[in-house]
Amino acid sequence: MSDREHPTYVIDDDTQELLESCMNLAQYIIDVQQDDATHETMQYELEELAERFNIQRGRVTTTQTTREDGSVDLNIKIEQDKPPPKLTVIEGNKEDPKIVPLKPTDPSKP
């Protein structure tokens, strides 16, 4: 992305789902571009948007192999830009004020 500092945003889950759907459609339009310069410009802008909204991205690569009998093998691989964090369950002092138990929330309440 760019070398300059830019704002990042935290959005609610519903808005993020809508934004991700729009970004998937935009990626489809980018992928069908026949002009490489247009493709690169659009791809850069989409990745910049994803970075600002902390949307996890991945690249899908496909490899097609045709066998001697005419059948085709298609290999699809998703490469994540950033690997997901590794979470670890820890035991701690339950009296520690820094430890806050997670409780289910009601999505209809702010």
PDB file of N, CA and C in Angstrom:
ATOM      1  N   MET A   1       0.831  -1.171   0.000  1.00  0.00           N
ATOM      2  CA  MET A   1       0.000   0.000   0.000  1.00  0.00           C
ATOM      3  C   MET A   1       0.883   1.245   0.000  1.00  0.00           C
ATOM      4  N   SER A   2       0.316   2.340   0.409  1.00  0.00           N
ATOM      5  CA  SER A   2       1.079   3.580   0.366  1.00  0.00           C
ATOM      6  C   SER A   2       2.014   3.688   1.554  1.00  0.00           C
ATOM      7  N   ASP A   3       3.062   4.522   1.393  1.00  0.00           N
ATOM      8  CA  ASP A   3       4.019   4.741   2.468  1.00  0.00           C
ATOM      9  C   ASP A   3       3.516   5.793   3.453  1.00  0.00           C
ATOM     10  N   ARG A   4       2.508   6.562   3.070  1.00  0.00           N
ATOM     11  CA  ARG A   4       2.015   7.619   3.937  1.00  0.00           C
ATOM     12  C   ARG A   4       1.056   7.041   4.975  1.00  0.00           C
ATOM     13  N   GLU A   5       0.937   7.786   6.077  1.00  0.00           N
ATOM     14  CA  GLU A   5      -0.001   7.391   7.115  1.00  0.00           C
ATOM     15  C   GLU A   5      -1.421   7.686   6.635  1.00  0.00           C
ATOM     16  N   HIS A   6      -2.331   6.837   6.983  1.00  0.00           N
ATOM     17  CA  HIS A   6      -3.723   7.069   6.637  1.00  0.00           C
ATOM     18  C   HIS A   6      -4.589   6.554   7.768  1.00  0.00           C
ATOM     19  N   PRO A   7      -5.820   7.045   7.877  1.00  0.00           N
ATOM     20  CA  PRO A   7      -6.684   6.597   8.969  1.00  0.00           C
ATOM     21  C   PRO A   7      -7.154   5.166   8.743  1.00  0.00           C
ATOM     22  N   THR A   8      -7.425   4.488   9.833  1.00  0.00           N
ATOM     23  CA  THR A   8      -8.055   3.169   9.764  1.00  0.00           C
ATOM     24  C   THR A   8      -9.368   3.266  10.533  1.00  0.00           C
ATOM     25  N   TYR A   9     -10.306   2.372  10.232  1.00  0.00           N
ATOM     26  CA  TYR A   9     -11.649   2.473  10.765  1.00  0.00           C
ATOM     27  C   TYR A   9     -12.082   1.153  11.392  1.00  0.00           C
ATOM     28  N   VAL A  10     -12.886   1.260  12.422  1.00  0.00           N
ATOM     29  CA  VAL A  10     -13.523   0.100  13.026  1.00  0.00           C
ATOM     30  C   VAL A  10     -15.009   0.233  12.720  1.00  0.00           C
ATOM     31  N   ILE A  11     -15.587  -0.810  12.141  1.00  0.00           N
ATOM     32  CA  ILE A  11     -16.995  -0.759  11.764  1.00  0.00           C
ATOM     33  C   ILE A  11     -17.724  -1.954  12.353  1.00  0.00           C
ATOM     34  N   ASP A  12     -19.041  -1.850  12.428  1.00  0.00           N
ATOM     35  CA  ASP A  12     -19.833  -2.948  12.984  1.00  0.00           C
ATOM     36  C   ASP A  12     -19.849  -4.129  12.010  1.00  0.00           C
ATOM     37  N   ASP A  13     -20.230  -5.292  12.502  1.00  0.00           N
ATOM     38  CA  ASP A  13     -20.176  -6.527  11.715  1.00  0.00           C
ATOM     39  C   ASP A  13     -21.058  -6.468  10.466  1.00  0.00           C
ATOM     40  N   ASP A  14     -22.265  -5.908  10.569  1.00  0.00           N
ATOM     41  CA  ASP A  14     -23.150  -5.832   9.400  1.00  0.00           C
ATOM     42  C   ASP A  14     -22.545  -4.957   8.303  1.00  0.00           C
ATOM     43  N   THR A  15     -21.996  -3.816   8.702  1.00  0.00           N
ATOM     44  CA  THR A  15     -21.372  -2.922   7.731  1.00  0.00           C
ATOM     45  C   THR A  15     -20.153  -3.586   7.108  1.00  0.00           C
ATOM     46  N   GLN A  16     -19.372  -4.301   7.913  1.00  0.00           N
ATOM     47  CA  GLN A  16     -18.202  -4.985   7.373  1.00  0.00           C
ATOM     48  C   GLN A  16     -18.632  -6.048   6.364  1.00  0.00           C
ATOM     49  N   GLU A  17     -19.694  -6.771   6.650  1.00  0.00           N
ATOM     50  CA  GLU A  17     -20.167  -7.792   5.717  1.00  0.00           C
ATOM     51  C   GLU A  17     -20.590  -7.155   4.389  1.00  0.00           C
ATOM     52  N   LEU A  18     -21.287  -6.018   4.454  1.00  0.00           N
ATOM     53  CA  LEU A  18     -21.678  -5.315   3.233  1.00  0.00           C
ATOM     54  C   LEU A  18     -20.456  -4.806   2.476  1.00  0.00           C
ATOM     55  N   LEU A  19     -19.500  -4.246   3.208  1.00  0.00           N
ATOM     56  CA  LEU A  19     -18.278  -3.740   2.575  1.00  0.00           C
ATOM     57  C   LEU A  19     -17.510  -4.877   1.905  1.00  0.00           C
ATOM     58  N   GLU A  20     -17.406  -6.027   2.560  1.00  0.00           N
ATOM     59  CA  GLU A  20     -16.708  -7.169   1.975  1.00  0.00           C
ATOM     60  C   GLU A  20     -17.412  -7.645   0.710  1.00  0.00           C
ATOM     61  N   SER A  21     -18.751  -7.651   0.707  1.00  0.00           N
ATOM     62  CA  SER A  21     -19.497  -8.054  -0.497  1.00  0.00           C
ATOM     63  C   SER A  21     -19.210  -7.094  -1.654  1.00  0.00           C
ATOM     64  N   CYS A  22     -19.215  -5.795  -1.358  1.00  0.00           N
ATOM     65  CA  CYS A  22     -18.912  -4.804  -2.396  1.00  0.00           C
ATOM     66  C   CYS A  22     -17.486  -4.966  -2.909  1.00  0.00           C
ATOM     67  N   MET A  23     -16.563  -5.257  -1.990  1.00  0.00           N
ATOM     68  CA  MET A  23     -15.164  -5.421  -2.390  1.00  0.00           C
ATOM     69  C   MET A  23     -14.988  -6.683  -3.229  1.00  0.00           C
ATOM     70  N   ASN A  24     -15.752  -7.739  -2.955  1.00  0.00           N
ATOM     71  CA  ASN A  24     -15.694  -8.947  -3.792  1.00  0.00           C
ATOM     72  C   ASN A  24     -16.176  -8.643  -5.205  1.00  0.00           C
ATOM     73  N   LEU A  25     -17.238  -7.851  -5.310  1.00  0.00           N
ATOM     74  CA  LEU A  25     -17.711  -7.451  -6.644  1.00  0.00           C
ATOM     75  C   LEU A  25     -16.661  -6.600  -7.356  1.00  0.00           C
ATOM     76  N   ALA A  26     -16.060  -5.685  -6.623  1.00  0.00           N
ATOM     77  CA  ALA A  26     -15.009  -4.850  -7.214  1.00  0.00           C
ATOM     78  C   ALA A  26     -13.838  -5.706  -7.684  1.00  0.00           C
ATOM     79  N   GLN A  27     -13.475  -6.726  -6.902  1.00  0.00           N
ATOM     80  CA  GLN A  27     -12.373  -7.608  -7.298  1.00  0.00           C
ATOM     81  C   GLN A  27     -12.713  -8.327  -8.599  1.00  0.00           C
ATOM     82  N   TYR A  28     -13.967  -8.738  -8.754  1.00  0.00           N
ATOM     83  CA  TYR A  28     -14.383  -9.387  -9.991  1.00  0.00           C
ATOM     84  C   TYR A  28     -14.186  -8.444 -11.180  1.00  0.00           C
ATOM     85  N   ILE A  29     -14.594  -7.194 -11.017  1.00  0.00           N
ATOM     86  CA  ILE A  29     -14.427  -6.213 -12.098  1.00  0.00           C
ATOM     87  C   ILE A  29     -12.949  -5.986 -12.396  1.00  0.00           C
ATOM     88  N   ILE A  30     -12.133  -5.948 -11.372  1.00  0.00           N
ATOM     89  CA  ILE A  30     -10.689  -5.769 -11.561  1.00  0.00           C
ATOM     90  C   ILE A  30     -10.113  -6.935 -12.349  1.00  0.00           C
ATOM     91  N   ASP A  31     -10.544  -8.148 -11.994  1.00  0.00           N
ATOM     92  CA  ASP A  31      -9.990  -9.345 -12.634  1.00  0.00           C
ATOM     93  C   ASP A  31     -10.313  -9.446 -14.117  1.00  0.00           C
ATOM     94  N   VAL A  32     -11.403  -8.834 -14.566  1.00  0.00           N
ATOM     95  CA  VAL A  32     -11.763  -8.940 -15.986  1.00  0.00           C
ATOM     96  C   VAL A  32     -11.198  -7.800 -16.834  1.00  0.00           C
ATOM     97  N   GLN A  33     -10.384  -6.935 -16.250  1.00  0.00           N
ATOM     98  CA  GLN A  33      -9.789  -5.848 -17.014  1.00  0.00           C
ATOM     99  C   GLN A  33      -8.791  -6.408 -18.025  1.00  0.00           C
ATOM    100  N   GLN A  34      -8.833  -5.875 -19.216  1.00  0.00           N
ATOM    101  CA  GLN A  34      -7.913  -6.334 -20.247  1.00  0.00           C
ATOM    102  C   GLN A  34      -6.669  -5.470 -20.314  1.00  0.00           C
ATOM    103  N   ASP A  35      -6.714  -4.315 -19.740  1.00  0.00           N
ATOM    104  CA  ASP A  35      -5.594  -3.388 -19.722  1.00  0.00           C
ATOM    105  C   ASP A  35      -4.854  -3.569 -18.398  1.00  0.00           C
ATOM    106  N   ASP A  36      -3.568  -3.938 -18.439  1.00  0.00           N
ATOM    107  CA  ASP A  36      -2.797  -4.195 -17.220  1.00  0.00           C
ATOM    108  C   ASP A  36      -2.681  -2.971 -16.327  1.00  0.00           C
ATOM    109  N   ALA A  37      -2.521  -1.788 -16.922  1.00  0.00           N
ATOM    110  CA  ALA A  37      -2.379  -0.578 -16.121  1.00  0.00           C
ATOM    111  C   ALA A  37      -3.666  -0.302 -15.341  1.00  0.00           C
ATOM    112  N   THR A  38      -4.806  -0.465 -15.978  1.00  0.00           N
ATOM    113  CA  THR A  38      -6.087  -0.274 -15.295  1.00  0.00           C
ATOM    114  C   THR A  38      -6.249  -1.295 -14.191  1.00  0.00           C
ATOM    115  N   HIS A  39      -5.893  -2.532 -14.483  1.00  0.00           N
ATOM    116  CA  HIS A  39      -5.976  -3.608 -13.483  1.00  0.00           C
ATOM    117  C   HIS A  39      -5.135  -3.258 -12.262  1.00  0.00           C
ATOM    118  N   GLU A  40      -3.905  -2.830 -12.476  1.00  0.00           N
ATOM    119  CA  GLU A  40      -3.006  -2.507 -11.359  1.00  0.00           C
ATOM    120  C   GLU A  40      -3.527  -1.342 -10.531  1.00  0.00           C
ATOM    121  N   THR A  41      -4.037  -0.306 -11.185  1.00  0.00           N
ATOM    122  CA  THR A  41      -4.570   0.859 -10.475  1.00  0.00           C
ATOM    123  C   THR A  41      -5.773   0.473  -9.629  1.00  0.00           C
ATOM    124  N   MET A  42      -6.693  -0.268 -10.211  1.00  0.00           N
ATOM    125  CA  MET A  42      -7.891  -0.682  -9.483  1.00  0.00           C
ATOM    126  C   MET A  42      -7.537  -1.620  -8.330  1.00  0.00           C
ATOM    127  N   GLN A  43      -6.596  -2.523  -8.559  1.00  0.00           N
ATOM    128  CA  GLN A  43      -6.180  -3.463  -7.513  1.00  0.00           C
ATOM    129  C   GLN A  43      -5.551  -2.707  -6.345  1.00  0.00           C
ATOM    130  N   TYR A  44      -4.724  -1.735  -6.634  1.00  0.00           N
ATOM    131  CA  TYR A  44      -4.088  -0.932  -5.595  1.00  0.00           C
ATOM    132  C   TYR A  44      -5.139  -0.235  -4.739  1.00  0.00           C
ATOM    133  N   GLU A  45      -6.131   0.383  -5.383  1.00  0.00           N
ATOM    134  CA  GLU A  45      -7.169   1.100  -4.651  1.00  0.00           C
ATOM    135  C   GLU A  45      -8.006   0.161  -3.788  1.00  0.00           C
ATOM    136  N   LEU A  46      -8.313  -1.015  -4.296  1.00  0.00           N
ATOM    137  CA  LEU A  46      -9.089  -1.982  -3.518  1.00  0.00           C
ATOM    138  C   LEU A  46      -8.296  -2.469  -2.310  1.00  0.00           C
ATOM    139  N   GLU A  47      -7.014  -2.732  -2.490  1.00  0.00           N
ATOM    140  CA  GLU A  47      -6.180  -3.173  -1.365  1.00  0.00           C
ATOM    141  C   GLU A  47      -6.003  -2.060  -0.339  1.00  0.00           C
ATOM    142  N   GLU A  48      -5.927  -0.826  -0.786  1.00  0.00           N
ATOM    143  CA  GLU A  48      -5.841   0.312   0.130  1.00  0.00           C
ATOM    144  C   GLU A  48      -7.113   0.402   0.984  1.00  0.00           C
ATOM    145  N   LEU A  49      -8.262   0.228   0.364  1.00  0.00           N
ATOM    146  CA  LEU A  49      -9.529   0.250   1.091  1.00  0.00           C
ATOM    147  C   LEU A  49      -9.588  -0.882   2.116  1.00  0.00           C
ATOM    148  N   ALA A  50      -9.175  -2.069   1.720  1.00  0.00           N
ATOM    149  CA  ALA A  50      -9.178  -3.206   2.634  1.00  0.00           C
ATOM    150  C   ALA A  50      -8.268  -2.952   3.830  1.00  0.00           C
ATOM    151  N   GLU A  51      -7.121  -2.348   3.581  1.00  0.00           N
ATOM    152  CA  GLU A  51      -6.188  -2.059   4.670  1.00  0.00           C
ATOM    153  C   GLU A  51      -6.796  -1.068   5.655  1.00  0.00           C
ATOM    154  N   ARG A  52      -7.444  -0.041   5.148  1.00  0.00           N
ATOM    155  CA  ARG A  52      -8.026   0.981   6.021  1.00  0.00           C
ATOM    156  C   ARG A  52      -9.152   0.433   6.888  1.00  0.00           C
ATOM    157  N   PHE A  53      -9.890  -0.537   6.380  1.00  0.00           N
ATOM    158  CA  PHE A  53     -10.990  -1.109   7.149  1.00  0.00           C
ATOM    159  C   PHE A  53     -10.613  -2.445   7.790  1.00  0.00           C
ATOM    160  N   ASN A  54      -9.329  -2.783   7.756  1.00  0.00           N
ATOM    161  CA  ASN A  54      -8.821  -4.007   8.362  1.00  0.00           C
ATOM    162  C   ASN A  54      -9.570  -5.243   7.863  1.00  0.00           C
ATOM    163  N   ILE A  55      -9.779  -5.313   6.556  1.00  0.00           N
ATOM    164  CA  ILE A  55     -10.438  -6.445   5.917  1.00  0.00           C
ATOM    165  C   ILE A  55      -9.351  -7.440   5.520  1.00  0.00           C
ATOM    166  N   GLN A  56      -9.491  -8.672   5.988  1.00  0.00           N
ATOM    167  CA  GLN A  56      -8.496  -9.695   5.664  1.00  0.00           C
ATOM    168  C   GLN A  56      -8.569 -10.005   4.176  1.00  0.00           C
ATOM    169  N   ARG A  57      -7.409 -10.080   3.549  1.00  0.00           N
ATOM    170  CA  ARG A  57      -7.345 -10.321   2.115  1.00  0.00           C
ATOM    171  C   ARG A  57      -6.573 -11.600   1.828  1.00  0.00           C
ATOM    172  N   GLY A  58      -6.835 -12.127   0.670  1.00  0.00           N
ATOM    173  CA  GLY A  58      -6.099 -13.297   0.214  1.00  0.00           C
ATOM    174  C   GLY A  58      -6.115 -13.335  -1.301  1.00  0.00           C
ATOM    175  N   ARG A  59      -5.141 -13.968  -1.856  1.00  0.00           N
ATOM    176  CA  ARG A  59      -5.070 -14.114  -3.310  1.00  0.00           C
ATOM    177  C   ARG A  59      -5.423 -15.553  -3.664  1.00  0.00           C
ATOM    178  N   VAL A  60      -6.247 -15.679  -4.680  1.00  0.00           N
ATOM    179  CA  VAL A  60      -6.618 -16.999  -5.175  1.00  0.00           C
ATOM    180  C   VAL A  60      -5.794 -17.257  -6.425  1.00  0.00           C
ATOM    181  N   THR A  61      -5.019 -18.335  -6.393  1.00  0.00           N
ATOM    182  CA  THR A  61      -4.242 -18.715  -7.573  1.00  0.00           C
ATOM    183  C   THR A  61      -4.746 -20.067  -8.069  1.00  0.00           C
ATOM    184  N   THR A  62      -4.821 -20.192  -9.364  1.00  0.00           N
ATOM    185  CA  THR A  62      -5.276 -21.455  -9.943  1.00  0.00           C
ATOM    186  C   THR A  62      -4.219 -21.991 -10.903  1.00  0.00           C
ATOM    187  N   THR A  63      -4.108 -23.302 -10.930  1.00  0.00           N
ATOM    188  CA  THR A  63      -3.206 -23.975 -11.846  1.00  0.00           C
ATOM    189  C   THR A  63      -4.013 -25.058 -12.557  1.00  0.00           C
ATOM    190  N   GLN A  64      -3.964 -25.038 -13.883  1.00  0.00           N
ATOM    191  CA  GLN A  64      -4.712 -26.007 -14.665  1.00  0.00           C
ATOM    192  C   GLN A  64      -3.736 -26.946 -15.365  1.00  0.00           C
ATOM    193  N   THR A  65      -3.975 -28.239 -15.213  1.00  0.00           N
ATOM    194  CA  THR A  65      -3.126 -29.246 -15.848  1.00  0.00           C
ATOM    195  C   THR A  65      -4.012 -30.173 -16.674  1.00  0.00           C
ATOM    196  N   THR A  66      -3.659 -30.346 -17.952  1.00  0.00           N
ATOM    197  CA  THR A  66      -4.412 -31.253 -18.820  1.00  0.00           C
ATOM    198  C   THR A  66      -3.662 -32.574 -18.910  1.00  0.00           C
ATOM    199  N   ARG A  67      -4.374 -33.637 -18.617  1.00  0.00           N
ATOM    200  CA  ARG A  67      -3.773 -34.982 -18.671  1.00  0.00           C
ATOM    201  C   ARG A  67      -3.807 -35.527 -20.097  1.00  0.00           C
ATOM    202  N   GLU A  68      -3.098 -36.633 -20.297  1.00  0.00           N
ATOM    203  CA  GLU A  68      -3.024 -37.236 -21.630  1.00  0.00           C
ATOM    204  C   GLU A  68      -4.394 -37.700 -22.123  1.00  0.00           C
ATOM    205  N   ASP A  69      -5.266 -38.115 -21.187  1.00  0.00           N
ATOM    206  CA  ASP A  69      -6.591 -38.598 -21.588  1.00  0.00           C
ATOM    207  C   ASP A  69      -7.578 -37.455 -21.841  1.00  0.00           C
ATOM    208  N   GLY A  70      -7.122 -36.202 -21.712  1.00  0.00           N
ATOM    209  CA  GLY A  70      -7.967 -35.044 -21.983  1.00  0.00           C
ATOM    210  C   GLY A  70      -8.647 -34.474 -20.745  1.00  0.00           C
ATOM    211  N   SER A  71      -8.570 -35.189 -19.638  1.00  0.00           N
ATOM    212  CA  SER A  71      -9.179 -34.645 -18.418  1.00  0.00           C
ATOM    213  C   SER A  71      -8.315 -33.497 -17.882  1.00  0.00           C
ATOM    214  N   VAL A  72      -8.945 -32.649 -17.114  1.00  0.00           N
ATOM    215  CA  VAL A  72      -8.271 -31.453 -16.610  1.00  0.00           C
ATOM    216  C   VAL A  72      -8.288 -31.467 -15.085  1.00  0.00           C
ATOM    217  N   ASP A  73      -7.117 -31.226 -14.501  1.00  0.00           N
ATOM    218  CA  ASP A  73      -7.008 -31.045 -13.053  1.00  0.00           C
ATOM    219  C   ASP A  73      -6.886 -29.556 -12.797  1.00  0.00           C
ATOM    220  N   LEU A  74      -7.686 -29.064 -11.853  1.00  0.00           N
ATOM    221  CA  LEU A  74      -7.653 -27.657 -11.495  1.00  0.00           C
ATOM    222  C   LEU A  74      -7.271 -27.556 -10.027  1.00  0.00           C
ATOM    223  N   ASN A  75      -6.161 -26.866  -9.751  1.00  0.00           N
ATOM    224  CA  ASN A  75      -5.685 -26.687  -8.383  1.00  0.00           C
ATOM    225  C   ASN A  75      -5.952 -25.236  -7.985  1.00  0.00           C
ATOM    226  N   ILE A  76      -6.712 -25.049  -6.898  1.00  0.00           N
ATOM    227  CA  ILE A  76      -7.053 -23.711  -6.410  1.00  0.00           C
ATOM    228  C   ILE A  76      -6.409 -23.530  -5.050  1.00  0.00           C
ATOM    229  N   LYS A  77      -5.674 -22.422  -4.892  1.00  0.00           N
ATOM    230  CA  LYS A  77      -4.975 -22.154  -3.638  1.00  0.00           C
ATOM    231  C   LYS A  77      -5.272 -20.727  -3.196  1.00  0.00           C
ATOM    232  N   ILE A  78      -5.583 -20.570  -1.901  1.00  0.00           N
ATOM    233  CA  ILE A  78      -5.815 -19.238  -1.338  1.00  0.00           C
ATOM    234  C   ILE A  78      -4.611 -18.881  -0.483  1.00  0.00           C
ATOM    235  N   GLU A  79      -3.984 -17.767  -0.819  1.00  0.00           N
ATOM    236  CA  GLU A  79      -2.819 -17.292  -0.077  1.00  0.00           C
ATOM    237  C   GLU A  79      -3.220 -16.054   0.707  1.00  0.00           C
ATOM    238  N   GLN A  80      -3.162 -16.137   2.035  1.00  0.00           N
ATOM    239  CA  GLN A  80      -3.531 -15.010   2.883  1.00  0.00           C
ATOM    240  C   GLN A  80      -2.414 -13.977   2.896  1.00  0.00           C
ATOM    241  N   ASP A  81      -2.797 -12.681   2.852  1.00  0.00           N
ATOM    242  CA  ASP A  81      -1.803 -11.613   2.954  1.00  0.00           C
ATOM    243  C   ASP A  81      -1.159 -11.611   4.329  1.00  0.00           C
ATOM    244  N   LYS A  82      -1.967 -11.760   5.362  1.00  0.00           N
ATOM    245  CA  LYS A  82      -1.466 -11.814   6.729  1.00  0.00           C
ATOM    246  C   LYS A  82      -2.013 -13.085   7.356  1.00  0.00           C
ATOM    247  N   PRO A  83      -1.157 -13.910   7.922  1.00  0.00           N
ATOM    248  CA  PRO A  83      -1.680 -15.112   8.567  1.00  0.00           C
ATOM    249  C   PRO A  83      -2.533 -14.728   9.775  1.00  0.00           C
ATOM    250  N   PRO A  84      -3.593 -15.502  10.044  1.00  0.00           N
ATOM    251  CA  PRO A  84      -4.422 -15.177  11.203  1.00  0.00           C
ATOM    252  C   PRO A  84      -3.618 -15.333  12.498  1.00  0.00           C
ATOM    253  N   PRO A  85      -3.975 -14.562  13.524  1.00  0.00           N
ATOM    254  CA  PRO A  85      -3.218 -14.669  14.778  1.00  0.00           C
ATOM    255  C   PRO A  85      -3.431 -16.025  15.428  1.00  0.00           C
ATOM    256  N   LYS A  86      -2.421 -16.478  16.137  1.00  0.00           N
ATOM    257  CA  LYS A  86      -2.532 -17.730  16.879  1.00  0.00           C
ATOM    258  C   LYS A  86      -2.976 -17.386  18.290  1.00  0.00           C
ATOM    259  N   LEU A  87      -4.118 -17.934  18.677  1.00  0.00           N
ATOM    260  CA  LEU A  87      -4.668 -17.661  19.992  1.00  0.00           C
ATOM    261  C   LEU A  87      -4.286 -18.778  20.953  1.00  0.00           C
ATOM    262  N   THR A  88      -4.029 -18.412  22.187  1.00  0.00           N
ATOM    263  CA  THR A  88      -3.643 -19.379  23.210  1.00  0.00           C
ATOM    264  C   THR A  88      -4.522 -19.190  24.435  1.00  0.00           C
ATOM    265  N   VAL A  89      -5.044 -20.289  24.955  1.00  0.00           N
ATOM    266  CA  VAL A  89      -5.819 -20.237  26.180  1.00  0.00           C
ATOM    267  C   VAL A  89      -4.837 -20.243  27.345  1.00  0.00           C
ATOM    268  N   ILE A  90      -5.027 -19.276  28.240  1.00  0.00           N
ATOM    269  CA  ILE A  90      -4.121 -19.207  29.384  1.00  0.00           C
ATOM    270  C   ILE A  90      -4.931 -19.236  30.674  1.00  0.00           C
ATOM    271  N   GLU A  91      -4.312 -19.735  31.712  1.00  0.00           N
ATOM    272  CA  GLU A  91      -4.887 -19.692  33.046  1.00  0.00           C
ATOM    273  C   GLU A  91      -4.268 -18.511  33.748  1.00  0.00           C
ATOM    274  N   GLY A  92      -5.058 -17.747  34.431  1.00  0.00           N
ATOM    275  CA  GLY A  92      -4.520 -16.589  35.111  1.00  0.00           C
ATOM    276  C   GLY A  92      -5.249 -16.340  36.409  1.00  0.00           C
ATOM    277  N   ASN A  93      -4.862 -15.300  37.057  1.00  0.00           N
ATOM    278  CA  ASN A  93      -5.485 -14.895  38.299  1.00  0.00           C
ATOM    279  C   ASN A  93      -6.852 -14.312  37.976  1.00  0.00           C
ATOM    280  N   LYS A  94      -7.919 -14.975  38.388  1.00  0.00           N
ATOM    281  CA  LYS A  94      -9.265 -14.526  38.066  1.00  0.00           C
ATOM    282  C   LYS A  94      -9.629 -13.248  38.807  1.00  0.00           C
ATOM    283  N   GLU A  95      -8.820 -12.875  39.784  1.00  0.00           N
ATOM    284  CA  GLU A  95      -9.046 -11.634  40.528  1.00  0.00           C
ATOM    285  C   GLU A  95      -8.350 -10.451  39.860  1.00  0.00           C
ATOM    286  N   ASP A  96      -7.544 -10.731  38.855  1.00  0.00           N
ATOM    287  CA  ASP A  96      -6.801  -9.672  38.165  1.00  0.00           C
ATOM    288  C   ASP A  96      -7.785  -8.757  37.449  1.00  0.00           C
ATOM    289  N   PRO A  97      -7.778  -7.442  37.717  1.00  0.00           N
ATOM    290  CA  PRO A  97      -8.732  -6.529  37.070  1.00  0.00           C
ATOM    291  C   PRO A  97      -8.514  -6.389  35.558  1.00  0.00           C
ATOM    292  N   LYS A  98      -7.356  -6.805  35.071  1.00  0.00           N
ATOM    293  CA  LYS A  98      -7.093  -6.720  33.635  1.00  0.00           C
ATOM    294  C   LYS A  98      -7.789  -7.840  32.867  1.00  0.00           C
ATOM    295  N   ILE A  99      -8.189  -8.906  33.577  1.00  0.00           N
ATOM    296  CA  ILE A  99      -8.844 -10.033  32.920  1.00  0.00           C
ATOM    297  C   ILE A  99     -10.347  -9.780  32.940  1.00  0.00           C
ATOM    298  N   VAL A 100     -10.928  -9.689  31.759  1.00  0.00           N
ATOM    299  CA  VAL A 100     -12.355  -9.434  31.638  1.00  0.00           C
ATOM    300  C   VAL A 100     -12.987 -10.626  30.939  1.00  0.00           C
ATOM    301  N   PRO A 101     -13.941 -11.304  31.591  1.00  0.00           N
ATOM    302  CA  PRO A 101     -14.582 -12.445  30.935  1.00  0.00           C
ATOM    303  C   PRO A 101     -15.433 -11.977  29.758  1.00  0.00           C
ATOM    304  N   LEU A 102     -15.404 -12.737  28.691  1.00  0.00           N
ATOM    305  CA  LEU A 102     -16.212 -12.410  27.527  1.00  0.00           C
ATOM    306  C   LEU A 102     -17.616 -12.949  27.744  1.00  0.00           C
ATOM    307  N   LYS A 103     -18.602 -12.117  27.487  1.00  0.00           N
ATOM    308  CA  LYS A 103     -19.995 -12.498  27.651  1.00  0.00           C
ATOM    309  C   LYS A 103     -20.696 -12.296  26.317  1.00  0.00           C
ATOM    310  N   PRO A 104     -21.684 -13.147  26.018  1.00  0.00           N
ATOM    311  CA  PRO A 104     -22.444 -12.936  24.781  1.00  0.00           C
ATOM    312  C   PRO A 104     -23.141 -11.578  24.824  1.00  0.00           C
ATOM    313  N   THR A 105     -23.189 -10.930  23.687  1.00  0.00           N
ATOM    314  CA  THR A 105     -23.849  -9.634  23.620  1.00  0.00           C
ATOM    315  C   THR A 105     -25.106  -9.735  22.791  1.00  0.00           C
ATOM    316  N   ASP A 106     -26.043  -8.871  23.071  1.00  0.00           N
ATOM    317  CA  ASP A 106     -27.277  -8.794  22.301  1.00  0.00           C
ATOM    318  C   ASP A 106     -27.034  -7.854  21.126  1.00  0.00           C
ATOM    319  N   PRO A 107     -27.053  -8.371  19.870  1.00  0.00           N
ATOM    320  CA  PRO A 107     -26.739  -7.510  18.713  1.00  0.00           C
ATOM    321  C   PRO A 107     -27.753  -6.403  18.485  1.00  0.00           C
ATOM    322  N   SER A 108     -28.960  -6.511  19.097  1.00  0.00           N
ATOM    323  CA  SER A 108     -29.968  -5.471  18.894  1.00  0.00           C
ATOM    324  C   SER A 108     -29.743  -4.275  19.820  1.00  0.00           C
ATOM    325  N   LYS A 109     -28.842  -4.420  20.811  1.00  0.00           N
ATOM    326  CA  LYS A 109     -28.553  -3.324  21.733  1.00  0.00           C
ATOM    327  C   LYS A 109     -27.206  -2.710  21.375  1.00  0.00           C
ATOM    328  N   PRO A 110     -27.133  -1.360  21.427  1.00  0.00           N
ATOM    329  CA  PRO A 110     -25.854  -0.711  21.088  1.00  0.00           C
ATOM    330  C   PRO A 110     -24.793  -0.960  22.117  1.00  0.00           C
TER     331      PRO A 110
END
